[in-house]
């Protein structure tokens, strides 16, 4: 029996940059930044903020949303 195919992004701990997450969800790169600033989340996702100010978004949640699932 074959093991189920998984994408590298589906692995736990993999993160997307803001630009990658926005592109995957077909949004402008400023959209997640603005939503995070105004609401504290973007589509229910909260990124990890690096010491240099960059944001890393959970790849598994980005892929779940890109597949059409409803935000939590």
PDB file of N, CA and C in Angstrom:
ATOM      1  N   UNK A   1       0.840  -1.174   0.000  1.00  0.00           N
ATOM      2  CA  UNK A   1       0.000   0.000   0.000  1.00  0.00           C
ATOM      3  C   UNK A   1       0.884   1.235   0.000  1.00  0.00           C
ATOM      4  N   UNK A   2       0.535   2.219  -0.821  1.00  0.00           N
ATOM      5  CA  UNK A   2       1.334   3.433  -0.922  1.00  0.00           C
ATOM      6  C   UNK A   2       1.019   4.395   0.210  1.00  0.00           C
ATOM      7  N   UNK A   3       2.029   5.112   0.632  1.00  0.00           N
ATOM      8  CA  UNK A   3       1.820   6.172   1.632  1.00  0.00           C
ATOM      9  C   UNK A   3       1.143   7.352   0.954  1.00  0.00           C
ATOM     10  N   UNK A   4       0.284   8.074   1.671  1.00  0.00           N
ATOM     11  CA  UNK A   4      -0.381   9.219   1.065  1.00  0.00           C
ATOM     12  C   UNK A   4       0.633  10.282   0.667  1.00  0.00           C
ATOM     13  N   UNK A   5       0.415  10.880  -0.485  1.00  0.00           N
ATOM     14  CA  UNK A   5       1.311  11.932  -0.972  1.00  0.00           C
ATOM     15  C   UNK A   5       1.082  13.206  -0.173  1.00  0.00           C
ATOM     16  N   UNK A   6       2.155  13.801   0.253  1.00  0.00           N
ATOM     17  CA  UNK A   6       2.057  15.067   0.972  1.00  0.00           C
ATOM     18  C   UNK A   6       2.962  16.072   0.293  1.00  0.00           C
ATOM     19  N   UNK A   7       2.548  17.313   0.304  1.00  0.00           N
ATOM     20  CA  UNK A   7       3.380  18.365  -0.249  1.00  0.00           C
ATOM     21  C   UNK A   7       4.346  18.826   0.830  1.00  0.00           C
ATOM     22  N   UNK A   8       5.487  19.377   0.441  1.00  0.00           N
ATOM     23  CA  UNK A   8       6.431  19.869   1.450  1.00  0.00           C
ATOM     24  C   UNK A   8       5.794  20.921   2.361  1.00  0.00           C
ATOM     25  N   UNK A   9       4.873  21.702   1.833  1.00  0.00           N
ATOM     26  CA  UNK A   9       4.233  22.745   2.629  1.00  0.00           C
ATOM     27  C   UNK A   9       3.307  22.169   3.694  1.00  0.00           C
ATOM     28  N   UNK A  10       2.874  20.932   3.506  1.00  0.00           N
ATOM     29  CA  UNK A  10       1.956  20.333   4.467  1.00  0.00           C
ATOM     30  C   UNK A  10       2.674  19.847   5.726  1.00  0.00           C
ATOM     31  N   UNK A  11       4.007  19.819   5.680  1.00  0.00           N
ATOM     32  CA  UNK A  11       4.764  19.377   6.846  1.00  0.00           C
ATOM     33  C   UNK A  11       4.673  20.421   7.952  1.00  0.00           C
ATOM     34  N   UNK A  12       4.648  19.948   9.175  1.00  0.00           N
ATOM     35  CA  UNK A  12       4.576  20.846  10.321  1.00  0.00           C
ATOM     36  C   UNK A  12       5.858  21.650  10.431  1.00  0.00           C
ATOM     37  N   UNK A  13       5.697  22.923  10.731  1.00  0.00           N
ATOM     38  CA  UNK A  13       6.862  23.775  10.927  1.00  0.00           C
ATOM     39  C   UNK A  13       7.278  24.558   9.701  1.00  0.00           C
ATOM     40  N   UNK A  14       6.761  24.219   8.522  1.00  0.00           N
ATOM     41  CA  UNK A  14       7.108  24.956   7.312  1.00  0.00           C
ATOM     42  C   UNK A  14       6.328  26.260   7.310  1.00  0.00           C
ATOM     43  N   UNK A  15       7.010  27.328   6.944  1.00  0.00           N
ATOM     44  CA  UNK A  15       6.389  28.652   6.959  1.00  0.00           C
ATOM     45  C   UNK A  15       6.536  29.319   5.592  1.00  0.00           C
ATOM     46  N   UNK A  16       5.609  30.212   5.273  1.00  0.00           N
ATOM     47  CA  UNK A  16       5.667  31.025   4.061  1.00  0.00           C
ATOM     48  C   UNK A  16       5.947  32.468   4.451  1.00  0.00           C
ATOM     49  N   UNK A  17       6.679  33.167   3.601  1.00  0.00           N
ATOM     50  CA  UNK A  17       6.842  34.602   3.803  1.00  0.00           C
ATOM     51  C   UNK A  17       5.494  35.268   3.506  1.00  0.00           C
ATOM     52  N   UNK A  18       5.377  36.521   3.854  1.00  0.00           N
ATOM     53  CA  UNK A  18       4.135  37.252   3.593  1.00  0.00           C
ATOM     54  C   UNK A  18       3.833  37.264   2.103  1.00  0.00           C
ATOM     55  N   UNK A  19       4.849  37.502   1.289  1.00  0.00           N
ATOM     56  CA  UNK A  19       4.651  37.558  -0.160  1.00  0.00           C
ATOM     57  C   UNK A  19       4.203  36.214  -0.717  1.00  0.00           C
ATOM     58  N   UNK A  20       4.808  35.122  -0.228  1.00  0.00           N
ATOM     59  CA  UNK A  20       4.440  33.780  -0.690  1.00  0.00           C
ATOM     60  C   UNK A  20       3.012  33.426  -0.275  1.00  0.00           C
ATOM     61  N   UNK A  21       2.658  33.725   0.966  1.00  0.00           N
ATOM     62  CA  UNK A  21       1.305  33.411   1.458  1.00  0.00           C
ATOM     63  C   UNK A  21       0.258  34.214   0.687  1.00  0.00           C
ATOM     64  N   UNK A  22       0.531  35.494   0.473  1.00  0.00           N
ATOM     65  CA  UNK A  22      -0.418  36.337  -0.259  1.00  0.00           C
ATOM     66  C   UNK A  22      -0.571  35.849  -1.696  1.00  0.00           C
ATOM     67  N   UNK A  23       0.538  35.509  -2.336  1.00  0.00           N
ATOM     68  CA  UNK A  23       0.470  35.017  -3.716  1.00  0.00           C
ATOM     69  C   UNK A  23      -0.307  33.715  -3.790  1.00  0.00           C
ATOM     70  N   UNK A  24      -0.081  32.819  -2.832  1.00  0.00           N
ATOM     71  CA  UNK A  24      -0.780  31.523  -2.822  1.00  0.00           C
ATOM     72  C   UNK A  24      -2.289  31.706  -2.671  1.00  0.00           C
ATOM     73  N   UNK A  25      -2.684  32.752  -1.926  1.00  0.00           N
ATOM     74  CA  UNK A  25      -4.111  33.009  -1.705  1.00  0.00           C
ATOM     75  C   UNK A  25      -4.644  34.123  -2.602  1.00  0.00           C
ATOM     76  N   UNK A  26      -3.852  34.480  -3.600  1.00  0.00           N
ATOM     77  CA  UNK A  26      -4.241  35.467  -4.616  1.00  0.00           C
ATOM     78  C   UNK A  26      -4.677  36.794  -4.014  1.00  0.00           C
ATOM     79  N   UNK A  27      -3.819  37.322  -3.168  1.00  0.00           N
ATOM     80  CA  UNK A  27      -4.064  38.620  -2.534  1.00  0.00           C
ATOM     81  C   UNK A  27      -2.821  39.483  -2.718  1.00  0.00           C
ATOM     82  N   UNK A  28      -2.998  40.782  -2.593  1.00  0.00           N
ATOM     83  CA  UNK A  28      -1.854  41.682  -2.624  1.00  0.00           C
ATOM     84  C   UNK A  28      -1.011  41.445  -1.369  1.00  0.00           C
ATOM     85  N   UNK A  29       0.289  41.665  -1.467  1.00  0.00           N
ATOM     86  CA  UNK A  29       1.158  41.377  -0.320  1.00  0.00           C
ATOM     87  C   UNK A  29       0.870  42.287   0.866  1.00  0.00           C
ATOM     88  N   UNK A  30       0.240  43.416   0.637  1.00  0.00           N
ATOM     89  CA  UNK A  30      -0.091  44.317   1.734  1.00  0.00           C
ATOM     90  C   UNK A  30      -1.349  43.856   2.486  1.00  0.00           C
ATOM     91  N   UNK A  31      -2.163  43.038   1.873  1.00  0.00           N
ATOM     92  CA  UNK A  31      -3.411  42.586   2.494  1.00  0.00           C
ATOM     93  C   UNK A  31      -3.194  41.861   3.824  1.00  0.00           C
ATOM     94  N   UNK A  32      -2.300  40.858   3.907  1.00  0.00           N
ATOM     95  CA  UNK A  32      -2.107  40.212   5.208  1.00  0.00           C
ATOM     96  C   UNK A  32      -1.518  41.143   6.258  1.00  0.00           C
ATOM     97  N   UNK A  33      -0.638  42.047   5.826  1.00  0.00           N
ATOM     98  CA  UNK A  33      -0.045  42.999   6.778  1.00  0.00           C
ATOM     99  C   UNK A  33      -1.105  43.927   7.351  1.00  0.00           C
ATOM    100  N   UNK A  34      -1.955  44.455   6.480  1.00  0.00           N
ATOM    101  CA  UNK A  34      -3.004  45.370   6.922  1.00  0.00           C
ATOM    102  C   UNK A  34      -4.002  44.657   7.829  1.00  0.00           C
ATOM    103  N   UNK A  35      -4.388  43.444   7.459  1.00  0.00           N
ATOM    104  CA  UNK A  35      -5.333  42.683   8.275  1.00  0.00           C
ATOM    105  C   UNK A  35      -4.748  42.370   9.644  1.00  0.00           C
ATOM    106  N   UNK A  36      -3.474  41.987   9.676  1.00  0.00           N
ATOM    107  CA  UNK A  36      -2.827  41.699  10.956  1.00  0.00           C
ATOM    108  C   UNK A  36      -2.797  42.944  11.838  1.00  0.00           C
ATOM    109  N   UNK A  37      -2.511  44.078  11.241  1.00  0.00           N
ATOM    110  CA  UNK A  37      -2.445  45.332  11.992  1.00  0.00           C
ATOM    111  C   UNK A  37      -3.825  45.722  12.532  1.00  0.00           C
ATOM    112  N   UNK A  38      -4.862  45.566  11.711  1.00  0.00           N
ATOM    113  CA  UNK A  38      -6.208  46.000  12.094  1.00  0.00           C
ATOM    114  C   UNK A  38      -6.940  44.995  12.982  1.00  0.00           C
ATOM    115  N   UNK A  39      -6.785  43.699  12.668  1.00  0.00           N
ATOM    116  CA  UNK A  39      -7.593  42.668  13.331  1.00  0.00           C
ATOM    117  C   UNK A  39      -6.801  41.718  14.231  1.00  0.00           C
ATOM    118  N   UNK A  40      -5.484  41.682  14.052  1.00  0.00           N
ATOM    119  CA  UNK A  40      -4.673  40.756  14.826  1.00  0.00           C
ATOM    120  C   UNK A  40      -4.541  39.387  14.183  1.00  0.00           C
ATOM    121  N   UNK A  41      -5.095  39.222  12.977  1.00  0.00           N
ATOM    122  CA  UNK A  41      -5.000  37.970  12.235  1.00  0.00           C
ATOM    123  C   UNK A  41      -5.337  38.233  10.777  1.00  0.00           C
ATOM    124  N   UNK A  42      -5.018  37.283   9.919  1.00  0.00           N
ATOM    125  CA  UNK A  42      -5.443  37.324   8.517  1.00  0.00           C
ATOM    126  C   UNK A  42      -6.060  35.982   8.209  1.00  0.00           C
ATOM    127  N   UNK A  43      -7.349  35.974   7.951  1.00  0.00           N
ATOM    128  CA  UNK A  43      -8.101  34.755   7.669  1.00  0.00           C
ATOM    129  C   UNK A  43      -7.926  33.714   8.777  1.00  0.00           C
ATOM    130  N   UNK A  44      -7.811  34.193   9.993  1.00  0.00           N
ATOM    131  CA  UNK A  44      -7.670  33.301  11.138  1.00  0.00           C
ATOM    132  C   UNK A  44      -6.247  32.861  11.418  1.00  0.00           C
ATOM    133  N   UNK A  45      -5.304  33.291  10.602  1.00  0.00           N
ATOM    134  CA  UNK A  45      -3.904  32.905  10.791  1.00  0.00           C
ATOM    135  C   UNK A  45      -3.148  34.009  11.516  1.00  0.00           C
ATOM    136  N   UNK A  46      -2.283  33.609  12.437  1.00  0.00           N
ATOM    137  CA  UNK A  46      -1.415  34.547  13.144  1.00  0.00           C
ATOM    138  C   UNK A  46       0.017  34.137  12.819  1.00  0.00           C
ATOM    139  N   UNK A  47       0.804  35.061  12.260  1.00  0.00           N
ATOM    140  CA  UNK A  47       2.161  34.702  11.856  1.00  0.00           C
ATOM    141  C   UNK A  47       3.154  34.736  13.017  1.00  0.00           C
ATOM    142  N   UNK A  48       4.321  34.187  12.762  1.00  0.00           N
ATOM    143  CA  UNK A  48       5.449  34.301  13.672  1.00  0.00           C
ATOM    144  C   UNK A  48       6.204  35.550  13.231  1.00  0.00           C
ATOM    145  N   UNK A  49       6.509  36.428  14.177  1.00  0.00           N
ATOM    146  CA  UNK A  49       7.259  37.636  13.839  1.00  0.00           C
ATOM    147  C   UNK A  49       8.722  37.422  14.190  1.00  0.00           C
ATOM    148  N   UNK A  50       9.588  37.555  13.206  1.00  0.00           N
ATOM    149  CA  UNK A  50      11.021  37.384  13.402  1.00  0.00           C
ATOM    150  C   UNK A  50      11.626  38.647  14.006  1.00  0.00           C
ATOM    151  N   UNK A  51      12.793  38.554  14.620  1.00  0.00           N
ATOM    152  CA  UNK A  51      13.437  39.737  15.217  1.00  0.00           C
ATOM    153  C   UNK A  51      13.679  40.866  14.211  1.00  0.00           C
ATOM    154  N   UNK A  52      13.846  40.528  12.926  1.00  0.00           N
ATOM    155  CA  UNK A  52      14.073  41.557  11.917  1.00  0.00           C
ATOM    156  C   UNK A  52      12.769  42.168  11.392  1.00  0.00           C
ATOM    157  N   UNK A  53      11.630  41.748  11.952  1.00  0.00           N
ATOM    158  CA  UNK A  53      10.338  42.313  11.576  1.00  0.00           C
ATOM    159  C   UNK A  53       9.578  41.541  10.513  1.00  0.00           C
ATOM    160  N   UNK A  54      10.220  40.577   9.865  1.00  0.00           N
ATOM    161  CA  UNK A  54       9.531  39.782   8.848  1.00  0.00           C
ATOM    162  C   UNK A  54       8.485  38.884   9.499  1.00  0.00           C
ATOM    163  N   UNK A  55       7.465  38.550   8.726  1.00  0.00           N
ATOM    164  CA  UNK A  55       6.390  37.678   9.196  1.00  0.00           C
ATOM    165  C   UNK A  55       6.467  36.345   8.464  1.00  0.00           C
ATOM    166  N   UNK A  56       6.280  35.260   9.192  1.00  0.00           N
ATOM    167  CA  UNK A  56       6.227  33.925   8.602  1.00  0.00           C
ATOM    168  C   UNK A  56       4.874  33.309   8.928  1.00  0.00           C
ATOM    169  N   UNK A  57       4.157  32.912   7.877  1.00  0.00           N
ATOM    170  CA  UNK A  57       2.808  32.385   8.000  1.00  0.00           C
ATOM    171  C   UNK A  57       2.838  30.869   7.932  1.00  0.00           C
ATOM    172  N   UNK A  58       1.997  30.179   8.724  1.00  0.00           N
ATOM    173  CA  UNK A  58       1.981  28.705   8.738  1.00  0.00           C
ATOM    174  C   UNK A  58       1.549  28.140   7.380  1.00  0.00           C
ATOM    175  N   UNK A  59       2.444  27.388   6.758  1.00  0.00           N
ATOM    176  CA  UNK A  59       2.197  26.863   5.417  1.00  0.00           C
ATOM    177  C   UNK A  59       1.007  25.907   5.375  1.00  0.00           C
ATOM    178  N   UNK A  60       0.818  25.108   6.425  1.00  0.00           N
ATOM    179  CA  UNK A  60      -0.296  24.161   6.407  1.00  0.00           C
ATOM    180  C   UNK A  60      -1.640  24.890   6.372  1.00  0.00           C
ATOM    181  N   UNK A  61      -1.744  25.999   7.093  1.00  0.00           N
ATOM    182  CA  UNK A  61      -2.985  26.769   7.079  1.00  0.00           C
ATOM    183  C   UNK A  61      -3.175  27.489   5.753  1.00  0.00           C
ATOM    184  N   UNK A  62      -2.091  28.004   5.184  1.00  0.00           N
ATOM    185  CA  UNK A  62      -2.171  28.670   3.873  1.00  0.00           C
ATOM    186  C   UNK A  62      -2.650  27.677   2.826  1.00  0.00           C
ATOM    187  N   UNK A  63      -2.070  26.483   2.827  1.00  0.00           N
ATOM    188  CA  UNK A  63      -2.465  25.461   1.848  1.00  0.00           C
ATOM    189  C   UNK A  63      -3.908  25.005   2.061  1.00  0.00           C
ATOM    190  N   UNK A  64      -4.329  24.913   3.306  1.00  0.00           N
ATOM    191  CA  UNK A  64      -5.717  24.529   3.612  1.00  0.00           C
ATOM    192  C   UNK A  64      -6.682  25.565   3.044  1.00  0.00           C
ATOM    193  N   UNK A  65      -6.373  26.848   3.243  1.00  0.00           N
ATOM    194  CA  UNK A  65      -7.224  27.912   2.714  1.00  0.00           C
ATOM    195  C   UNK A  65      -7.186  27.950   1.197  1.00  0.00           C
ATOM    196  N   UNK A  66      -6.020  27.710   0.603  1.00  0.00           N
ATOM    197  CA  UNK A  66      -5.893  27.700  -0.854  1.00  0.00           C
ATOM    198  C   UNK A  66      -6.698  26.551  -1.463  1.00  0.00           C
ATOM    199  N   UNK A  67      -6.866  25.475  -0.706  1.00  0.00           N
ATOM    200  CA  UNK A  67      -7.646  24.330  -1.178  1.00  0.00           C
ATOM    201  C   UNK A  67      -9.153  24.582  -1.082  1.00  0.00           C
ATOM    202  N   UNK A  68      -9.536  25.703  -0.465  1.00  0.00           N
ATOM    203  CA  UNK A  68     -10.950  26.042  -0.429  1.00  0.00           C
ATOM    204  C   UNK A  68     -11.632  25.825   0.907  1.00  0.00           C
ATOM    205  N   UNK A  69     -10.889  25.440   1.935  1.00  0.00           N
ATOM    206  CA  UNK A  69     -11.517  25.262   3.245  1.00  0.00           C
ATOM    207  C   UNK A  69     -11.852  26.618   3.866  1.00  0.00           C
ATOM    208  N   UNK A  70     -12.785  26.613   4.757  1.00  0.00           N
ATOM    209  CA  UNK A  70     -13.256  27.831   5.409  1.00  0.00           C
ATOM    210  C   UNK A  70     -12.292  28.218   6.524  1.00  0.00           C
ATOM    211  N   UNK A  71     -11.970  29.533   6.650  1.00  0.00           N
ATOM    212  CA  UNK A  71     -11.101  29.957   7.757  1.00  0.00           C
ATOM    213  C   UNK A  71     -11.711  29.624   9.093  1.00  0.00           C
ATOM    214  N   UNK A  72     -10.855  29.371  10.081  1.00  0.00           N
ATOM    215  CA  UNK A  72     -11.331  29.046  11.433  1.00  0.00           C
ATOM    216  C   UNK A  72     -11.809  30.293  12.118  1.00  0.00           C
TER     217      UNK A  72
END
